[in-house]
């Protein structure tokens, strides 16, 4: 897939663990792992909204396009 979610970098920059992040956005740590590892087929806009709110960023800070 050409779309990559760059949660790892954002979590490191904010000193947040996966568990803390998962609790803050209301999903399981396993689902955060699915997003981080590029196995997600879709992301709900409400989840993207929560991720941006918690990480204080814009969607473009979390999503990267790479031509395959």
PDB file of N, CA and C in Angstrom:
ATOM      1  N   UNK A   1       0.851  -1.181   0.000  1.00  0.00           N
ATOM      2  CA  UNK A   1       0.000   0.000   0.000  1.00  0.00           C
ATOM      3  C   UNK A   1       0.888   1.232   0.000  1.00  0.00           C
ATOM      4  N   UNK A   2       0.468   2.260  -0.674  1.00  0.00           N
ATOM      5  CA  UNK A   2       1.264   3.468  -0.833  1.00  0.00           C
ATOM      6  C   UNK A   2       1.082   4.463   0.308  1.00  0.00           C
ATOM      7  N   UNK A   3       0.073   4.283   1.149  1.00  0.00           N
ATOM      8  CA  UNK A   3      -0.157   5.185   2.275  1.00  0.00           C
ATOM      9  C   UNK A   3       0.449   4.568   3.533  1.00  0.00           C
ATOM     10  N   UNK A   4       1.264   5.333   4.235  1.00  0.00           N
ATOM     11  CA  UNK A   4       1.910   4.867   5.455  1.00  0.00           C
ATOM     12  C   UNK A   4       1.526   5.779   6.623  1.00  0.00           C
ATOM     13  N   UNK A   5       1.283   5.185   7.770  1.00  0.00           N
ATOM     14  CA  UNK A   5       0.932   5.940   8.969  1.00  0.00           C
ATOM     15  C   UNK A   5       2.177   6.030   9.840  1.00  0.00           C
ATOM     16  N   UNK A   6       2.567   7.239  10.178  1.00  0.00           N
ATOM     17  CA  UNK A   6       3.835   7.478  10.873  1.00  0.00           C
ATOM     18  C   UNK A   6       3.608   7.793  12.354  1.00  0.00           C
ATOM     19  N   UNK A   7       2.929   6.902  13.034  1.00  0.00           N
ATOM     20  CA  UNK A   7       2.633   7.104  14.452  1.00  0.00           C
ATOM     21  C   UNK A   7       3.900   7.007  15.303  1.00  0.00           C
ATOM     22  N   UNK A   8       4.794   6.077  14.957  1.00  0.00           N
ATOM     23  CA  UNK A   8       6.001   5.860  15.770  1.00  0.00           C
ATOM     24  C   UNK A   8       6.756   7.151  16.040  1.00  0.00           C
ATOM     25  N   UNK A   9       7.031   7.893  14.978  1.00  0.00           N
ATOM     26  CA  UNK A   9       7.787   9.141  15.105  1.00  0.00           C
ATOM     27  C   UNK A   9       7.076  10.122  16.031  1.00  0.00           C
ATOM     28  N   UNK A  10       5.770  10.231  15.871  1.00  0.00           N
ATOM     29  CA  UNK A  10       5.000  11.173  16.684  1.00  0.00           C
ATOM     30  C   UNK A  10       5.005  10.757  18.158  1.00  0.00           C
ATOM     31  N   UNK A  11       4.890   9.461  18.424  1.00  0.00           N
ATOM     32  CA  UNK A  11       4.894   8.994  19.808  1.00  0.00           C
ATOM     33  C   UNK A  11       6.246   9.254  20.470  1.00  0.00           C
ATOM     34  N   UNK A  12       7.325   9.025  19.741  1.00  0.00           N
ATOM     35  CA  UNK A  12       8.663   9.280  20.278  1.00  0.00           C
ATOM     36  C   UNK A  12       8.831  10.764  20.578  1.00  0.00           C
ATOM     37  N   UNK A  13       8.423  11.612  19.645  1.00  0.00           N
ATOM     38  CA  UNK A  13       8.553  13.064  19.834  1.00  0.00           C
ATOM     39  C   UNK A  13       7.776  13.555  21.053  1.00  0.00           C
ATOM     40  N   UNK A  14       6.681  12.864  21.387  1.00  0.00           N
ATOM     41  CA  UNK A  14       5.848  13.305  22.509  1.00  0.00           C
ATOM     42  C   UNK A  14       6.072  12.482  23.770  1.00  0.00           C
ATOM     43  N   UNK A  15       6.986  11.539  23.714  1.00  0.00           N
ATOM     44  CA  UNK A  15       7.301  10.718  24.882  1.00  0.00           C
ATOM     45  C   UNK A  15       6.130   9.880  25.369  1.00  0.00           C
ATOM     46  N   UNK A  16       5.339   9.380  24.428  1.00  0.00           N
ATOM     47  CA  UNK A  16       4.137   8.601  24.747  1.00  0.00           C
ATOM     48  C   UNK A  16       4.338   7.139  24.409  1.00  0.00           C
ATOM     49  N   UNK A  17       3.829   6.272  25.265  1.00  0.00           N
ATOM     50  CA  UNK A  17       3.862   4.838  24.964  1.00  0.00           C
ATOM     51  C   UNK A  17       2.646   4.473  24.110  1.00  0.00           C
ATOM     52  N   UNK A  18       2.717   3.311  23.501  1.00  0.00           N
ATOM     53  CA  UNK A  18       1.594   2.811  22.707  1.00  0.00           C
ATOM     54  C   UNK A  18       0.361   2.650  23.592  1.00  0.00           C
ATOM     55  N   UNK A  19       0.541   2.135  24.794  1.00  0.00           N
ATOM     56  CA  UNK A  19      -0.583   1.943  25.715  1.00  0.00           C
ATOM     57  C   UNK A  19      -1.245   3.252  26.101  1.00  0.00           C
ATOM     58  N   UNK A  20      -0.433   4.256  26.416  1.00  0.00           N
ATOM     59  CA  UNK A  20      -0.984   5.574  26.757  1.00  0.00           C
ATOM     60  C   UNK A  20      -1.746   6.159  25.571  1.00  0.00           C
ATOM     61  N   UNK A  21      -1.160   6.031  24.396  1.00  0.00           N
ATOM     62  CA  UNK A  21      -1.782   6.546  23.185  1.00  0.00           C
ATOM     63  C   UNK A  21      -3.105   5.841  22.915  1.00  0.00           C
ATOM     64  N   UNK A  22      -3.098   4.514  23.017  1.00  0.00           N
ATOM     65  CA  UNK A  22      -4.313   3.734  22.778  1.00  0.00           C
ATOM     66  C   UNK A  22      -5.422   4.155  23.734  1.00  0.00           C
ATOM     67  N   UNK A  23      -5.094   4.293  25.014  1.00  0.00           N
ATOM     68  CA  UNK A  23      -6.090   4.729  26.005  1.00  0.00           C
ATOM     69  C   UNK A  23      -6.628   6.113  25.663  1.00  0.00           C
ATOM     70  N   UNK A  24      -5.734   7.013  25.265  1.00  0.00           N
ATOM     71  CA  UNK A  24      -6.132   8.394  24.988  1.00  0.00           C
ATOM     72  C   UNK A  24      -7.048   8.511  23.778  1.00  0.00           C
ATOM     73  N   UNK A  25      -6.869   7.638  22.775  1.00  0.00           N
ATOM     74  CA  UNK A  25      -7.703   7.745  21.569  1.00  0.00           C
ATOM     75  C   UNK A  25      -8.857   6.753  21.551  1.00  0.00           C
ATOM     76  N   UNK A  26      -8.888   5.855  22.538  1.00  0.00           N
ATOM     77  CA  UNK A  26     -10.035   4.953  22.665  1.00  0.00           C
ATOM     78  C   UNK A  26     -10.002   3.720  21.788  1.00  0.00           C
ATOM     79  N   UNK A  27      -8.800   3.226  21.461  1.00  0.00           N
ATOM     80  CA  UNK A  27      -8.707   1.952  20.752  1.00  0.00           C
ATOM     81  C   UNK A  27      -7.731   1.054  21.513  1.00  0.00           C
ATOM     82  N   UNK A  28      -7.673  -0.198  21.147  1.00  0.00           N
ATOM     83  CA  UNK A  28      -6.795  -1.130  21.853  1.00  0.00           C
ATOM     84  C   UNK A  28      -5.351  -0.968  21.378  1.00  0.00           C
ATOM     85  N   UNK A  29      -4.398  -1.327  22.239  1.00  0.00           N
ATOM     86  CA  UNK A  29      -2.996  -1.309  21.796  1.00  0.00           C
ATOM     87  C   UNK A  29      -2.771  -2.209  20.576  1.00  0.00           C
ATOM     88  N   UNK A  30      -3.513  -3.302  20.481  1.00  0.00           N
ATOM     89  CA  UNK A  30      -3.388  -4.182  19.312  1.00  0.00           C
ATOM     90  C   UNK A  30      -3.790  -3.449  18.034  1.00  0.00           C
ATOM     91  N   UNK A  31      -4.830  -2.624  18.114  1.00  0.00           N
ATOM     92  CA  UNK A  31      -5.246  -1.870  16.927  1.00  0.00           C
ATOM     93  C   UNK A  31      -4.262  -0.757  16.597  1.00  0.00           C
ATOM     94  N   UNK A  32      -3.620  -0.180  17.610  1.00  0.00           N
ATOM     95  CA  UNK A  32      -2.551   0.794  17.341  1.00  0.00           C
ATOM     96  C   UNK A  32      -1.420   0.081  16.599  1.00  0.00           C
ATOM     97  N   UNK A  33      -1.091  -1.128  17.012  1.00  0.00           N
ATOM     98  CA  UNK A  33      -0.043  -1.901  16.341  1.00  0.00           C
ATOM     99  C   UNK A  33      -0.402  -2.166  14.883  1.00  0.00           C
ATOM    100  N   UNK A  34      -1.665  -2.472  14.619  1.00  0.00           N
ATOM    101  CA  UNK A  34      -2.116  -2.687  13.238  1.00  0.00           C
ATOM    102  C   UNK A  34      -1.878  -1.425  12.411  1.00  0.00           C
ATOM    103  N   UNK A  35      -2.188  -0.273  12.984  1.00  0.00           N
ATOM    104  CA  UNK A  35      -1.957   0.993  12.282  1.00  0.00           C
ATOM    105  C   UNK A  35      -0.460   1.232  12.074  1.00  0.00           C
ATOM    106  N   UNK A  36       0.317   1.049  13.135  1.00  0.00           N
ATOM    107  CA  UNK A  36       1.756   1.301  13.073  1.00  0.00           C
ATOM    108  C   UNK A  36       2.463   0.406  12.074  1.00  0.00           C
ATOM    109  N   UNK A  37       2.032  -0.840  11.983  1.00  0.00           N
ATOM    110  CA  UNK A  37       2.723  -1.812  11.138  1.00  0.00           C
ATOM    111  C   UNK A  37       2.219  -1.840   9.702  1.00  0.00           C
ATOM    112  N   UNK A  38       1.303  -0.941   9.380  1.00  0.00           N
ATOM    113  CA  UNK A  38       0.834  -0.846   8.003  1.00  0.00           C
ATOM    114  C   UNK A  38      -0.117  -1.938   7.576  1.00  0.00           C
ATOM    115  N   UNK A  39      -0.739  -2.616   8.530  1.00  0.00           N
ATOM    116  CA  UNK A  39      -1.677  -3.691   8.188  1.00  0.00           C
ATOM    117  C   UNK A  39      -3.123  -3.217   8.120  1.00  0.00           C
ATOM    118  N   UNK A  40      -3.372  -1.953   8.471  1.00  0.00           N
ATOM    119  CA  UNK A  40      -4.739  -1.429   8.461  1.00  0.00           C
ATOM    120  C   UNK A  40      -5.201  -1.214   7.022  1.00  0.00           C
ATOM    121  N   UNK A  41      -6.427  -1.586   6.754  1.00  0.00           N
ATOM    122  CA  UNK A  41      -7.024  -1.368   5.434  1.00  0.00           C
ATOM    123  C   UNK A  41      -7.804  -0.059   5.391  1.00  0.00           C
ATOM    124  N   UNK A  42      -8.149   0.462   6.575  1.00  0.00           N
ATOM    125  CA  UNK A  42      -8.923   1.697   6.664  1.00  0.00           C
ATOM    126  C   UNK A  42      -8.699   2.318   8.035  1.00  0.00           C
ATOM    127  N   UNK A  43      -8.944   3.620   8.114  1.00  0.00           N
ATOM    128  CA  UNK A  43      -8.883   4.343   9.383  1.00  0.00           C
ATOM    129  C   UNK A  43     -10.141   5.193   9.469  1.00  0.00           C
ATOM    130  N   UNK A  44     -10.886   5.029  10.540  1.00  0.00           N
ATOM    131  CA  UNK A  44     -12.085   5.860  10.727  1.00  0.00           C
ATOM    132  C   UNK A  44     -11.667   7.318  10.911  1.00  0.00           C
ATOM    133  N   UNK A  45     -12.461   8.215  10.359  1.00  0.00           N
ATOM    134  CA  UNK A  45     -12.167   9.636  10.537  1.00  0.00           C
ATOM    135  C   UNK A  45     -12.218  10.024  12.009  1.00  0.00           C
ATOM    136  N   UNK A  46     -13.094   9.389  12.777  1.00  0.00           N
ATOM    137  CA  UNK A  46     -13.157   9.701  14.214  1.00  0.00           C
ATOM    138  C   UNK A  46     -11.864   9.266  14.916  1.00  0.00           C
ATOM    139  N   UNK A  47     -11.245   8.168  14.457  1.00  0.00           N
ATOM    140  CA  UNK A  47      -9.967   7.730  15.017  1.00  0.00           C
ATOM    141  C   UNK A  47      -8.861   8.689  14.599  1.00  0.00           C
ATOM    142  N   UNK A  48      -8.849   9.093  13.350  1.00  0.00           N
ATOM    143  CA  UNK A  48      -7.856  10.062  12.875  1.00  0.00           C
ATOM    144  C   UNK A  48      -8.002  11.378  13.630  1.00  0.00           C
ATOM    145  N   UNK A  49      -9.237  11.794  13.865  1.00  0.00           N
ATOM    146  CA  UNK A  49      -9.505  13.010  14.630  1.00  0.00           C
ATOM    147  C   UNK A  49      -8.924  12.882  16.045  1.00  0.00           C
ATOM    148  N   UNK A  50      -9.170  11.753  16.693  1.00  0.00           N
ATOM    149  CA  UNK A  50      -8.657  11.537  18.048  1.00  0.00           C
ATOM    150  C   UNK A  50      -7.133  11.502  18.057  1.00  0.00           C
ATOM    151  N   UNK A  51      -6.533  10.865  17.058  1.00  0.00           N
ATOM    152  CA  UNK A  51      -5.073  10.811  16.978  1.00  0.00           C
ATOM    153  C   UNK A  51      -4.492  12.219  16.851  1.00  0.00           C
ATOM    154  N   UNK A  52      -5.082  13.042  16.001  1.00  0.00           N
ATOM    155  CA  UNK A  52      -4.610  14.419  15.818  1.00  0.00           C
ATOM    156  C   UNK A  52      -4.813  15.253  17.080  1.00  0.00           C
ATOM    157  N   UNK A  53      -5.938  15.042  17.749  1.00  0.00           N
ATOM    158  CA  UNK A  53      -6.214  15.787  18.989  1.00  0.00           C
ATOM    159  C   UNK A  53      -5.188  15.439  20.052  1.00  0.00           C
ATOM    160  N   UNK A  54      -4.939  14.153  20.260  1.00  0.00           N
ATOM    161  CA  UNK A  54      -4.030  13.701  21.308  1.00  0.00           C
ATOM    162  C   UNK A  54      -2.583  14.081  20.985  1.00  0.00           C
ATOM    163  N   UNK A  55      -2.196  13.946  19.737  1.00  0.00           N
ATOM    164  CA  UNK A  55      -0.815  14.234  19.349  1.00  0.00           C
ATOM    165  C   UNK A  55      -0.591  15.699  18.975  1.00  0.00           C
ATOM    166  N   UNK A  56      -1.683  16.474  18.976  1.00  0.00           N
ATOM    167  CA  UNK A  56      -1.626  17.897  18.625  1.00  0.00           C
ATOM    168  C   UNK A  56      -0.916  18.090  17.288  1.00  0.00           C
ATOM    169  N   UNK A  57      -1.494  17.452  16.266  1.00  0.00           N
ATOM    170  CA  UNK A  57      -0.900  17.518  14.941  1.00  0.00           C
ATOM    171  C   UNK A  57      -1.991  17.575  13.876  1.00  0.00           C
ATOM    172  N   UNK A  58      -1.574  17.632  12.648  1.00  0.00           N
ATOM    173  CA  UNK A  58      -2.475  17.614  11.505  1.00  0.00           C
ATOM    174  C   UNK A  58      -2.453  16.212  10.882  1.00  0.00           C
ATOM    175  N   UNK A  59      -3.506  15.829  10.148  1.00  0.00           N
ATOM    176  CA  UNK A  59      -3.515  14.516   9.506  1.00  0.00           C
ATOM    177  C   UNK A  59      -2.272  14.264   8.643  1.00  0.00           C
ATOM    178  N   UNK A  60      -1.798  15.285   7.961  1.00  0.00           N
ATOM    179  CA  UNK A  60      -0.617  15.131   7.104  1.00  0.00           C
ATOM    180  C   UNK A  60       0.639  14.777   7.906  1.00  0.00           C
ATOM    181  N   UNK A  61       0.634  15.069   9.195  1.00  0.00           N
ATOM    182  CA  UNK A  61       1.764  14.689  10.046  1.00  0.00           C
ATOM    183  C   UNK A  61       1.772  13.190  10.314  1.00  0.00           C
ATOM    184  N   UNK A  62       0.642  12.538  10.141  1.00  0.00           N
ATOM    185  CA  UNK A  62       0.490  11.111  10.437  1.00  0.00           C
ATOM    186  C   UNK A  62       0.458  10.235   9.186  1.00  0.00           C
ATOM    187  N   UNK A  63       0.092  10.810   8.057  1.00  0.00           N
ATOM    188  CA  UNK A  63      -0.074  10.046   6.826  1.00  0.00           C
ATOM    189  C   UNK A  63       0.970  10.456   5.802  1.00  0.00           C
ATOM    190  N   UNK A  64       1.593   9.455   5.175  1.00  0.00           N
ATOM    191  CA  UNK A  64       2.610   9.724   4.157  1.00  0.00           C
ATOM    192  C   UNK A  64       2.310   8.859   2.947  1.00  0.00           C
ATOM    193  N   UNK A  65       2.407   9.452   1.773  1.00  0.00           N
ATOM    194  CA  UNK A  65       2.199   8.720   0.529  1.00  0.00           C
ATOM    195  C   UNK A  65       3.549   8.414  -0.108  1.00  0.00           C
ATOM    196  N   UNK A  66       3.744   7.151  -0.469  1.00  0.00           N
ATOM    197  CA  UNK A  66       4.951   6.738  -1.207  1.00  0.00           C
ATOM    198  C   UNK A  66       4.507   5.933  -2.412  1.00  0.00           C
ATOM    199  N   UNK A  67       4.893   6.389  -3.563  1.00  0.00           N
ATOM    200  CA  UNK A  67       4.546   5.672  -4.788  1.00  0.00           C
ATOM    201  C   UNK A  67       5.270   4.336  -4.795  1.00  0.00           C
ATOM    202  N   UNK A  68       4.510   3.265  -5.022  1.00  0.00           N
ATOM    203  CA  UNK A  68       5.118   1.920  -5.047  1.00  0.00           C
ATOM    204  C   UNK A  68       5.793   1.636  -6.370  1.00  0.00           C
TER     205      UNK A  68
END
